[in-house]
Amino acid sequence: RRPYFHQAQECRACHFIEKDWLHNLYDRNTRMPRDANRGKYRDFEIDEMEKIRERKS
């Protein structure tokens, strides 16, 4: 439902990596559609949409 995730052309739209600094490990995560529809990643969407607009102009 969310425009950014619906029209995504890159894997990083739905997948991301977090680093556990204490243990020096990486954790691969997925932005779940249900959470995205609830607006949990709204700040991420806004930042990424601005980057896309800058690239187009």
Protein backbone atom coordinates (compact mmCIF):
# COMPACT_ATOMS: atom_id res chain seq x y z
CA ARG A 1 0.00 0.00 0.00
CA ARG A 2 2.82 2.42 0.79
CA PRO A 3 4.03 4.03 -2.47
CA TYR A 4 7.75 3.75 -1.73
CA PHE A 5 7.65 0.03 -1.00
CA HIS A 6 5.12 -0.71 -3.75
CA GLN A 7 7.29 0.92 -6.43
CA ALA A 8 10.66 -0.12 -4.98
CA GLN A 9 13.37 -0.99 -7.47
CA GLU A 10 16.11 -1.75 -4.96
CA CYS A 11 16.39 -4.52 -2.38
CA ARG A 12 17.38 -2.07 0.35
CA ALA A 13 13.84 -0.72 0.33
CA CYS A 14 12.68 -3.82 2.19
CA HIS A 15 15.93 -5.28 3.54
CA PHE A 16 18.53 -3.69 5.79
CA ILE A 17 21.54 -4.63 7.89
CA GLU A 18 22.16 -3.61 11.49
CA LYS A 19 25.48 -3.96 13.27
CA ASP A 20 25.72 -5.22 16.84
CA TRP A 21 28.71 -3.15 17.98
CA LEU A 22 29.10 -5.02 21.25
CA HIS A 23 29.65 -8.40 19.59
CA ASN A 24 30.85 -7.08 16.20
CA LEU A 25 28.12 -9.00 14.37
CA TYR A 26 25.77 -8.05 11.57
CA ASP A 27 22.05 -8.77 11.60
CA ARG A 28 20.04 -8.85 8.37
CA ASN A 29 16.43 -7.69 8.77
CA THR A 30 13.33 -7.18 6.65
CA ARG A 31 10.86 -4.33 6.75
CA MET A 32 7.59 -6.23 6.96
CA PRO A 33 4.64 -5.03 4.84
CA ARG A 34 2.29 -4.95 7.83
CA ASP A 35 4.67 -2.66 9.73
CA ALA A 36 5.19 -0.46 6.66
CA ASN A 37 1.43 -0.09 6.20
CA ARG A 38 1.15 1.03 9.82
CA GLY A 39 3.71 3.76 9.15
CA LYS A 40 6.57 2.33 11.21
CA TYR A 41 9.11 3.27 8.52
CA ARG A 42 7.62 6.64 7.53
CA ASP A 43 10.85 8.58 8.28
CA PHE A 44 12.84 6.14 6.14
CA GLU A 45 10.32 6.50 3.29
CA ILE A 46 10.44 10.30 3.38
CA ASP A 47 14.26 10.37 3.29
CA GLU A 48 14.44 7.89 0.43
CA MET A 49 11.76 9.65 -1.60
CA GLU A 50 13.71 12.91 -1.26
CA LYS A 51 16.87 11.18 -2.50
CA ILE A 52 14.96 9.83 -5.51
CA ARG A 53 13.59 13.29 -6.33
CA GLU A 54 17.10 14.79 -6.13
CA ARG A 55 18.45 12.17 -8.54
CA LYS A 56 15.68 12.86 -11.05
CA SER A 57 16.24 16.63 -11.13
